[in-house]
Amino acid sequence: MSATYAIDHTHDPAATSWVGSANQPGSAFPLQNLPFGRFRLAGSGGECHNGDWRLGIAIGDQVLCLRTAGLVDHADMHRLMAQAPAARQALRHALFDGLKTGSASQAAWSAALMPQADVDMGLPCPVGDYTDFYTSIHHATTVGRQFRPEQPLLPNYVWVPIGYHGRASSVIPSGVPVRRPKGQTRPAAGSEQPNFGPSRRLDHELELALFIGQGNALGEPIGIDQAEAHLFGVALFNDWSARDIQGWEYQPLGPFLAKNFASSVAPWMVTMEALAPFRQPFVRDAALPAPLPYLSSPDTLAHGVINIELEVWLQTAQMREAGHPGDRISQSNYADAFWTAAQLVTHHTVNGCNLQPGDLLGTGTLSGPKPEQAASMLELSNGGQAPITLSTGEQRSFLEDGDSVILRGWCSRPGAARIGLGECRATVLPARA
C-alpha cells in the first residue's frame, strides 16, 4: 500500500496539542492536519524578519514557522515538496510529536508561533505550470446540455481525463480581489460583429488544486501505482470564468480569455498524508466502461477516492455592509468526481510530459449529482434563465460587482479527527474603464 494511504499515530483522533486553539471543536487545523503554506508578517511588503517568505504550518489559529522551529534551513517550498514520501512522512511525524500535548519542544517552539491574524499568506507555493481538468461528469453533462442539447456528454469523456493548459501567471492568493474581465462576446441578433466590453456573465468554479511534489523526467511516464507519491497536497481553488466570453471564443480550441484572467487558491495545502483517513474505493456505475488498464490498479480501486466536503458561499455588497456572513449556495463532495487524483497525474504524463514541484492540477468544477450540488452559477441559474434568490431577497444569475465568493472544505468521518482546508475567498471589482 502507498505510504500516502498509511494511517498512523498522527491520525489519532484523541491526540491534542499544547496549542489550545487547535483543540477547539470545529477547528480547521487540529493536530491531525498540519497543512503547509507560505507567510510573511502583515504589512512587511514581501519581507519577514528581513528574509523571504517563510514556510509554515497551520495549527489552530496559529502559524508555526518551520525555520524558527529548526525543522528547515530554507524558505523554498518547492524543495520541501520535492522530498520523497518517506521524508515527508518523517517531517509530519516531527511536527506532530513537537506540537502534541506534553511535548518537550513546547518551550522552544512557542517562539516559532505567530497568530494567523498577524501574518499575510501568499500562494502556498510558486506555481510553475497549471493544467485544468474536467473531472465532474455531472458538471460536464449539465453544461453540455446547455450548449449541445443533442449530445450533452461527448463520447470521449468516459474514457479520457479531459484537460487543458491554464495560465499560471494569473493564479492568485485567496483574498486578492478579482477585476471583472473584458472581452468579445456573441454578436447581437442581426449583426455579424461581436460585442466588446465587460463580461456580464462572470462566474465562479468550485475546484480543488492538486499540487505536485516530486517531478518526473521528460519522457518518463508516472505509472498509476506511483502517481500518489508525486502528489504533495490539496487546496481550495476557484477558477473564475467569464461565460459570455467563453461562449463566443471556445470553438474550436476551447476557452482562452474567459479563463486566464484570474484563478484564486487557498493558502494552505493539506497533505496527502493528512487525507489518509478519508480515502474510499473507486466505484463507477456498472453501465459505464471501466478505465483503460493504465488508469487502474488495485490501490486505485481500493483507495483512490478522497472524501472532501465542499461549500460555496456568496456574500453580496449589501450583505457585507449589514454584517451578514453570506449565504451558502452550493455543497458538493470531491468523492463524486469521475476521475481520481492519481489518474490525472498518470494521464498527464503517459505521453512523457514532465511535471515539476509546484505544478498545479485543477480538478475542474466539482458539481454533484443533485441540483443543489451545482458548483457554478452557470448551473445554479440554468444558464441565467432561473436566477437564485438569496436570503436578503437579492437575486443572482451571475456574479455582480461587490460580490464575494467564499469556498470552504473539510473532511470528516466517524473515528477520525475532522480536518479543514480553510477557505478561499475573493471579491469582484468593476471592470476598468
Protein backbone atom coordinates (compact mmCIF):
# COMPACT_ATOMS: atom_id res chain seq x y z
CA MET A 1 0.00 0.00 0.00
CA SER A 2 1.26 3.50 -0.85
CA ALA A 3 2.78 5.49 2.00
CA THR A 4 0.31 8.28 1.25
CA TYR A 5 -2.54 6.00 2.33
CA ALA A 6 -0.93 4.94 5.62
CA ILE A 7 -2.85 5.71 8.80
CA ASP A 8 -0.58 6.04 11.83
CA HIS A 9 -0.33 7.72 15.24
CA THR A 10 -0.51 11.19 13.64
CA HIS A 11 -4.17 10.50 12.79
CA ASP A 12 -5.17 9.52 16.34
CA PRO A 13 -8.44 11.43 16.93
CA ALA A 14 -7.77 11.56 20.68
CA ALA A 15 -4.44 13.36 20.29
CA THR A 16 -4.36 17.00 21.41
CA SER A 17 -1.92 19.89 21.07
CA TRP A 18 -0.35 22.29 23.54
CA VAL A 19 -1.60 24.99 21.12
CA GLY A 20 -5.00 25.37 22.73
CA SER A 21 -6.89 26.72 19.71
CA ALA A 22 -6.10 23.52 17.78
CA ASN A 23 -8.27 21.58 20.23
CA GLN A 24 -11.36 23.74 19.82
CA PRO A 25 -14.39 21.95 18.32
CA GLY A 26 -14.68 22.81 14.65
CA SER A 27 -11.08 23.99 14.28
CA ALA A 28 -9.96 23.53 10.68
CA PHE A 29 -6.39 22.94 11.77
CA PRO A 30 -6.15 20.41 14.59
CA LEU A 31 -3.00 18.43 15.35
CA GLN A 32 -4.03 15.75 12.84
CA ASN A 33 -3.99 18.19 9.90
CA LEU A 34 -0.71 20.20 9.74
CA PRO A 35 -1.14 21.86 6.31
CA PHE A 36 1.70 23.79 4.67
CA GLY A 37 1.76 27.38 3.43
CA ARG A 38 3.94 30.46 2.96
CA PHE A 39 3.60 33.55 5.13
CA ARG A 40 5.15 36.90 5.99
CA LEU A 41 4.46 39.44 8.70
CA ALA A 42 1.41 41.53 7.88
CA GLY A 43 2.45 44.76 6.19
CA SER A 44 6.04 43.63 5.70
CA GLY A 45 5.92 44.25 1.95
CA GLY A 46 7.31 40.91 0.99
CA GLU A 47 9.84 40.54 3.79
CA CYS A 48 9.58 38.59 7.02
CA HIS A 49 12.27 39.16 9.65
CA ASN A 50 14.41 40.68 6.87
CA GLY A 51 14.11 37.46 4.87
CA ASP A 52 11.98 35.93 2.16
CA TRP A 53 8.62 34.31 2.54
CA ARG A 54 8.70 31.82 5.40
CA LEU A 55 7.43 28.25 5.34
CA GLY A 56 4.84 27.40 7.95
CA ILE A 57 2.14 25.03 9.03
CA ALA A 58 -1.26 25.93 10.43
CA ILE A 59 -2.05 24.74 13.94
CA GLY A 60 -5.29 26.08 15.38
CA ASP A 61 -5.34 29.84 14.86
CA GLN A 62 -1.52 29.98 14.80
CA VAL A 63 1.25 29.56 12.22
CA LEU A 64 4.37 27.63 13.15
CA CYS A 65 7.47 28.95 11.36
CA LEU A 66 9.40 25.86 10.26
CA ARG A 67 12.77 27.63 10.20
CA THR A 68 12.41 29.10 13.68
CA ALA A 69 11.37 25.67 14.95
CA GLY A 70 14.57 24.24 13.49
CA LEU A 71 12.79 21.94 11.04
CA VAL A 72 14.14 23.52 7.82
CA ASP A 73 17.04 25.82 6.98
CA HIS A 74 15.49 27.38 3.88
CA ALA A 75 12.34 29.08 2.56
CA ASP A 76 11.95 27.08 -0.65
CA MET A 77 8.56 25.36 -0.69
CA HIS A 78 9.40 23.53 -3.92
CA ARG A 79 12.43 21.98 -2.22
CA LEU A 80 10.27 20.79 0.65
CA MET A 81 7.58 19.45 -1.69
CA ALA A 82 10.07 17.55 -3.84
CA GLN A 83 11.03 15.23 -0.99
CA ALA A 84 10.24 11.53 -1.26
CA PRO A 85 7.16 10.33 0.66
CA ALA A 86 9.32 8.83 3.43
CA ALA A 87 10.96 12.20 4.11
CA ARG A 88 7.61 13.98 4.01
CA GLN A 89 6.20 11.49 6.49
CA ALA A 90 9.21 11.95 8.77
CA LEU A 91 8.60 15.72 8.77
CA ARG A 92 4.93 15.13 9.59
CA HIS A 93 5.94 12.90 12.50
CA ALA A 94 8.36 15.54 13.79
CA LEU A 95 5.68 18.23 13.62
CA PHE A 96 3.11 16.04 15.32
CA ASP A 97 5.48 15.00 18.10
CA GLY A 98 6.62 18.58 18.67
CA LEU A 99 3.11 20.02 18.84
CA LYS A 100 1.31 17.33 20.82
CA THR A 101 0.35 17.88 24.43
CA GLY A 102 3.28 17.26 26.74
CA SER A 103 5.95 17.66 24.07
CA ALA A 104 9.43 18.63 25.21
CA SER A 105 9.54 21.03 22.25
CA GLN A 106 6.84 23.32 23.66
CA ALA A 107 9.19 25.83 25.27
CA ALA A 108 11.40 26.21 22.20
CA TRP A 109 8.63 26.07 19.62
CA SER A 110 6.44 28.65 21.37
CA ALA A 111 8.78 31.29 19.95
CA ALA A 112 8.07 29.94 16.45
CA LEU A 113 4.32 30.57 16.69
CA MET A 114 2.54 33.60 15.29
CA PRO A 115 -1.21 34.32 15.20
CA GLN A 116 -2.62 33.80 11.72
CA ALA A 117 -4.30 37.18 12.14
CA ASP A 118 -0.84 38.82 12.25
CA VAL A 119 0.53 37.39 9.00
CA ASP A 120 -0.11 37.71 5.30
CA MET A 121 -0.49 34.44 3.43
CA GLY A 122 0.75 34.10 -0.13
CA LEU A 123 0.34 31.37 -2.69
CA PRO A 124 1.03 28.09 -0.91
CA CYS A 125 3.90 27.63 -3.35
CA PRO A 126 5.05 29.36 -6.54
CA VAL A 127 3.02 27.82 -9.37
CA GLY A 128 5.13 26.71 -12.31
CA ASP A 129 2.61 25.16 -14.68
CA TYR A 130 -1.15 24.89 -14.38
CA THR A 131 -3.39 22.30 -16.03
CA ASP A 132 -7.15 22.33 -15.53
CA PHE A 133 -9.14 19.12 -15.82
CA TYR A 134 -12.86 18.42 -16.19
CA THR A 135 -13.42 15.64 -13.66
CA SER A 136 -17.11 16.08 -12.75
CA ILE A 137 -19.36 14.14 -15.10
CA HIS A 138 -22.31 15.94 -13.50
CA HIS A 139 -20.90 19.37 -14.38
CA ALA A 140 -19.92 18.19 -17.86
CA THR A 141 -23.40 16.81 -18.54
CA THR A 142 -25.30 19.83 -17.20
CA VAL A 143 -23.18 22.35 -19.08
CA GLY A 144 -23.16 20.17 -22.17
CA ARG A 145 -26.95 20.11 -22.10
CA GLN A 146 -26.97 23.92 -22.27
CA PHE A 147 -24.53 24.10 -25.19
CA ARG A 148 -25.23 20.80 -27.00
CA PRO A 149 -28.68 19.50 -26.03
CA GLU A 150 -28.49 16.82 -28.70
CA GLN A 151 -25.23 15.39 -27.22
CA PRO A 152 -24.56 16.74 -23.70
CA LEU A 153 -21.68 14.36 -22.94
CA LEU A 154 -19.14 13.82 -25.68
CA PRO A 155 -18.13 10.17 -26.31
CA ASN A 156 -14.52 10.57 -25.17
CA TYR A 157 -15.45 11.83 -21.69
CA VAL A 158 -15.85 8.39 -20.10
CA TRP A 159 -12.50 7.22 -21.49
CA VAL A 160 -10.04 10.08 -21.15
CA PRO A 161 -9.47 12.66 -18.37
CA ILE A 162 -10.16 15.86 -20.28
CA GLY A 163 -7.74 18.69 -19.54
CA TYR A 164 -6.34 21.90 -20.99
CA HIS A 165 -3.38 24.14 -20.27
CA GLY A 166 -4.19 27.05 -17.94
CA ARG A 167 -2.37 30.28 -17.16
CA ALA A 168 -0.04 30.06 -14.14
CA SER A 169 0.79 33.79 -14.03
CA SER A 170 -2.78 34.72 -13.04
CA VAL A 171 -3.09 32.20 -10.20
CA ILE A 172 -3.53 34.49 -7.19
CA PRO A 173 -3.72 34.08 -3.41
CA SER A 174 -7.01 33.98 -1.57
CA GLY A 175 -8.13 37.48 -0.60
CA VAL A 176 -6.82 39.25 -3.70
CA PRO A 177 -9.76 40.98 -5.46
CA VAL A 178 -10.72 39.86 -8.96
CA ARG A 179 -11.26 42.52 -11.61
CA ARG A 180 -14.21 41.90 -13.95
CA PRO A 181 -12.67 41.00 -17.31
CA LYS A 182 -13.39 42.46 -20.72
CA GLY A 183 -13.56 40.58 -23.98
CA GLN A 184 -15.50 39.75 -27.11
CA THR A 185 -18.97 38.24 -26.82
CA ARG A 186 -21.51 36.96 -29.33
CA PRO A 187 -22.89 39.41 -31.89
CA ALA A 188 -26.32 40.84 -31.21
CA ALA A 189 -29.21 39.44 -33.22
CA GLY A 190 -28.97 40.63 -36.82
CA SER A 191 -25.31 41.62 -36.54
CA GLU A 192 -22.14 39.89 -37.65
CA GLN A 193 -19.79 41.94 -35.47
CA PRO A 194 -19.15 40.69 -31.94
CA ASN A 195 -19.66 42.94 -28.95
CA PHE A 196 -16.74 44.05 -26.79
CA GLY A 197 -16.88 45.08 -23.16
CA PRO A 198 -17.04 43.86 -19.57
CA SER A 199 -18.30 40.33 -19.05
CA ARG A 200 -21.94 40.20 -17.96
CA ARG A 201 -21.81 36.52 -17.05
CA LEU A 202 -18.95 36.32 -14.55
CA ASP A 203 -18.89 33.01 -12.71
CA HIS A 204 -17.06 31.04 -10.04
CA GLU A 205 -15.96 27.43 -10.25
CA LEU A 206 -15.59 25.35 -7.09
CA GLU A 207 -12.46 23.26 -7.63
CA LEU A 208 -9.54 21.72 -5.83
CA ALA A 209 -5.90 22.39 -6.65
CA LEU A 210 -3.75 19.26 -6.64
CA PHE A 211 -0.10 20.21 -6.10
CA ILE A 212 2.75 18.15 -7.49
CA GLY A 213 5.59 17.26 -5.14
CA GLN A 214 8.19 15.06 -6.79
CA GLY A 215 8.51 15.60 -10.52
CA ASN A 216 9.36 13.18 -13.29
CA ALA A 217 11.94 13.28 -16.06
CA LEU A 218 10.90 14.26 -19.57
CA GLY A 219 9.91 11.14 -21.47
CA GLU A 220 9.31 9.09 -18.30
CA PRO A 221 5.60 8.47 -17.57
CA ILE A 222 4.34 8.08 -14.00
CA GLY A 223 2.51 4.77 -13.56
CA ILE A 224 -0.75 4.64 -11.69
CA ASP A 225 0.86 2.82 -8.75
CA GLN A 226 3.46 5.59 -8.38
CA ALA A 227 1.19 8.58 -9.00
CA GLU A 228 0.27 9.23 -5.37
CA ALA A 229 3.95 9.58 -4.44
CA HIS A 230 4.15 12.56 -6.81
CA LEU A 231 1.23 14.41 -5.19
CA PHE A 232 2.05 16.72 -2.28
CA GLY A 233 -1.32 18.06 -1.24
CA VAL A 234 -4.65 19.69 -1.95
CA ALA A 235 -6.02 23.24 -1.64
CA LEU A 236 -9.29 25.00 -2.39
CA PHE A 237 -9.33 26.57 -5.85
CA ASN A 238 -11.67 28.97 -7.69
CA ASP A 239 -11.14 29.07 -11.45
CA TRP A 240 -13.04 32.26 -12.29
CA SER A 241 -14.82 32.16 -15.66
CA ALA A 242 -16.48 34.67 -17.98
CA ARG A 243 -19.24 32.60 -19.56
CA ASP A 244 -20.26 35.07 -22.26
CA ILE A 245 -16.65 35.45 -23.44
CA GLN A 246 -16.28 31.67 -23.25
CA GLY A 247 -19.43 31.07 -25.31
CA TRP A 248 -18.04 33.11 -28.21
CA GLU A 249 -14.37 32.08 -28.18
CA TYR A 250 -14.38 28.42 -27.16
CA GLN A 251 -14.71 26.90 -30.63
CA PRO A 252 -12.59 25.27 -31.92
CA LEU A 253 -9.81 25.18 -29.30
CA GLY A 254 -11.58 25.87 -26.01
CA PRO A 255 -11.56 28.82 -23.58
CA PHE A 256 -8.84 31.48 -23.57
CA LEU A 257 -9.62 34.98 -22.24
CA ALA A 258 -12.67 33.54 -20.49
CA LYS A 259 -10.41 31.71 -18.06
CA ASN A 260 -6.94 33.27 -17.96
CA PHE A 261 -7.73 36.50 -16.06
CA ALA A 262 -7.73 35.03 -12.52
CA SER A 263 -7.72 31.78 -10.55
CA SER A 264 -7.78 32.01 -6.74
CA VAL A 265 -6.13 29.43 -4.48
CA ALA A 266 -6.37 28.99 -0.72
CA PRO A 267 -3.20 29.50 1.34
CA TRP A 268 -2.96 26.02 2.89
CA MET A 269 -2.01 22.72 1.23
CA VAL A 270 -3.49 19.77 3.11
CA THR A 271 -1.08 16.92 2.54
CA MET A 272 -1.87 13.52 1.10
CA GLU A 273 -0.69 12.04 4.40
CA ALA A 274 -3.27 14.06 6.35
CA LEU A 275 -6.01 12.87 3.98
CA ALA A 276 -5.29 9.17 4.58
CA PRO A 277 -8.31 8.52 6.86
CA PHE A 278 -10.68 9.92 4.25
CA ARG A 279 -9.92 7.57 1.36
CA GLN A 280 -12.59 5.33 -0.11
CA PRO A 281 -12.98 2.89 -3.01
CA PHE A 282 -13.17 4.00 -6.63
CA VAL A 283 -16.54 2.80 -7.93
CA ARG A 284 -18.28 3.53 -11.22
CA ASP A 285 -21.81 2.96 -12.43
CA ALA A 286 -21.96 -0.51 -13.97
CA ALA A 287 -23.36 1.00 -17.17
CA LEU A 288 -20.14 2.97 -17.72
CA PRO A 289 -16.90 1.49 -19.05
CA ALA A 290 -14.02 0.72 -16.70
CA PRO A 291 -10.90 2.87 -17.14
CA LEU A 292 -8.24 1.64 -19.52
CA PRO A 293 -5.59 -0.51 -17.79
CA TYR A 294 -3.02 2.30 -17.47
CA LEU A 295 -5.55 4.24 -15.36
CA SER A 296 -6.44 1.42 -12.99
CA SER A 297 -4.75 -0.59 -10.24
CA PRO A 298 -5.78 -2.47 -7.09
CA ASP A 299 -4.73 0.52 -4.94
CA THR A 300 -6.76 2.92 -7.08
CA LEU A 301 -9.83 0.70 -6.85
CA ALA A 302 -9.45 0.24 -3.09
CA HIS A 303 -8.39 3.75 -2.00
CA GLY A 304 -8.39 6.09 -5.00
CA VAL A 305 -11.20 8.43 -3.97
CA ILE A 306 -10.81 11.22 -1.38
CA ASN A 307 -13.94 12.27 0.52
CA ILE A 308 -13.79 16.07 0.88
CA GLU A 309 -16.92 18.08 1.67
CA LEU A 310 -17.06 21.37 -0.23
CA GLU A 311 -19.15 24.54 0.01
CA VAL A 312 -19.67 27.78 -1.88
CA TRP A 313 -20.84 30.88 -0.01
CA LEU A 314 -21.91 34.13 -1.65
CA GLN A 315 -21.77 37.46 0.20
CA THR A 316 -23.14 40.44 -1.68
CA ALA A 317 -22.05 44.02 -1.03
CA GLN A 318 -25.41 44.63 0.66
CA MET A 319 -24.82 41.66 2.96
CA ARG A 320 -21.30 42.81 3.80
CA GLU A 321 -22.50 46.31 4.71
CA ALA A 322 -25.14 44.79 7.02
CA GLY A 323 -22.66 42.43 8.69
CA HIS A 324 -24.33 39.40 7.07
CA PRO A 325 -21.89 36.48 6.58
CA GLY A 326 -23.42 35.45 3.28
CA ASP A 327 -25.50 32.53 2.03
CA ARG A 328 -24.35 29.02 1.28
CA ILE A 329 -25.40 28.47 -2.32
CA SER A 330 -23.86 25.07 -3.00
CA GLN A 331 -22.49 21.99 -1.24
CA SER A 332 -20.78 19.09 -3.00
CA ASN A 333 -18.13 16.42 -2.45
CA TYR A 334 -14.89 15.58 -4.23
CA ALA A 335 -15.85 11.90 -3.92
CA ASP A 336 -18.32 12.43 -6.79
CA ALA A 337 -15.54 13.23 -9.28
CA PHE A 338 -15.33 10.87 -12.27
CA TRP A 339 -11.52 10.68 -12.21
CA THR A 340 -9.18 10.35 -9.21
CA ALA A 341 -6.16 12.50 -8.43
CA ALA A 342 -3.79 9.63 -9.27
CA GLN A 343 -5.49 9.09 -12.62
CA LEU A 344 -4.94 12.75 -13.51
CA VAL A 345 -1.22 12.51 -12.75
CA THR A 346 -0.81 9.30 -14.72
CA HIS A 347 -2.76 10.53 -17.73
CA HIS A 348 -0.91 13.86 -17.75
CA THR A 349 2.43 12.06 -18.01
CA VAL A 350 1.53 8.98 -20.07
CA ASN A 351 2.94 10.67 -23.19
CA GLY A 352 6.19 11.56 -21.40
CA CYS A 353 5.21 15.05 -20.21
CA ASN A 354 7.34 16.09 -17.26
CA LEU A 355 5.75 17.51 -14.11
CA GLN A 356 7.71 19.63 -11.64
CA PRO A 357 7.39 20.54 -7.95
CA GLY A 358 4.71 23.20 -7.53
CA ASP A 359 2.78 22.36 -10.68
CA LEU A 360 -0.96 22.75 -10.16
CA LEU A 361 -3.59 20.36 -11.50
CA GLY A 362 -7.10 21.78 -11.20
CA THR A 363 -9.87 19.23 -10.77
CA GLY A 364 -12.40 21.20 -12.77
CA THR A 365 -15.76 22.26 -11.37
CA LEU A 366 -16.78 19.75 -8.69
CA SER A 367 -20.55 19.58 -9.07
CA GLY A 368 -22.51 16.69 -7.59
CA PRO A 369 -25.49 14.78 -8.97
CA LYS A 370 -28.19 16.94 -7.31
CA PRO A 371 -29.24 20.47 -8.38
CA GLU A 372 -28.17 21.96 -5.05
CA GLN A 373 -24.70 20.47 -5.61
CA ALA A 374 -24.07 22.60 -8.69
CA ALA A 375 -20.67 24.24 -8.25
CA SER A 376 -21.06 27.22 -10.61
CA MET A 377 -23.61 29.95 -11.27
CA LEU A 378 -23.92 28.66 -14.83
CA GLU A 379 -25.52 25.52 -13.41
CA LEU A 380 -27.30 27.03 -10.41
CA SER A 381 -29.14 29.56 -12.61
CA ASN A 382 -29.59 27.23 -15.59
CA GLY A 383 -27.51 29.42 -17.83
CA GLY A 384 -29.05 32.61 -16.42
CA GLN A 385 -32.64 31.56 -17.08
CA ALA A 386 -33.55 30.83 -13.44
CA PRO A 387 -31.89 33.32 -11.05
CA ILE A 388 -31.29 32.16 -7.49
CA THR A 389 -32.88 34.17 -4.67
CA LEU A 390 -30.73 34.98 -1.65
CA SER A 391 -31.87 35.42 1.96
CA THR A 392 -31.85 39.21 1.52
CA GLY A 393 -34.25 38.97 -1.42
CA GLU A 394 -31.46 39.78 -3.88
CA GLN A 395 -31.27 37.64 -7.00
CA ARG A 396 -28.28 36.40 -8.94
CA SER A 397 -27.91 34.76 -12.33
CA PHE A 398 -24.20 35.50 -12.40
CA LEU A 399 -21.83 37.44 -10.15
CA GLU A 400 -22.15 41.20 -9.72
CA ASP A 401 -19.55 43.79 -8.74
CA GLY A 402 -19.01 43.73 -4.98
CA ASP A 403 -19.94 40.06 -4.61
CA SER A 404 -17.56 37.94 -2.55
CA VAL A 405 -17.27 34.21 -3.25
CA ILE A 406 -16.01 32.05 -0.38
CA LEU A 407 -15.06 28.39 -0.84
CA ARG A 408 -14.76 26.11 2.18
CA GLY A 409 -13.88 22.47 2.59
CA TRP A 410 -13.31 19.82 5.23
CA CYS A 411 -13.00 16.08 5.80
CA SER A 412 -14.84 14.12 8.49
CA ARG A 413 -15.85 10.57 9.26
CA PRO A 414 -16.53 8.52 12.40
CA GLY A 415 -13.33 7.54 14.15
CA ALA A 416 -11.23 10.32 12.64
CA ALA A 417 -10.50 13.91 13.61
CA ARG A 418 -12.23 16.49 11.43
CA ILE A 419 -9.71 18.47 9.37
CA GLY A 420 -10.32 21.55 7.24
CA LEU A 421 -8.95 23.13 4.09
CA GLY A 422 -9.58 26.65 5.37
CA GLU A 423 -11.20 28.97 2.88
CA CYS A 424 -10.57 30.62 -0.47
CA ARG A 425 -12.24 34.00 -0.98
CA ALA A 426 -12.19 36.95 -3.34
CA THR A 427 -14.37 39.96 -4.10
CA VAL A 428 -15.36 41.07 -7.60
CA LEU A 429 -14.22 44.57 -8.61
CA PRO A 430 -15.72 46.54 -11.50
CA ALA A 431 -14.07 46.33 -14.91
CA ARG A 432 -11.55 49.05 -15.65
CA ALA A 433 -12.93 51.99 -17.60
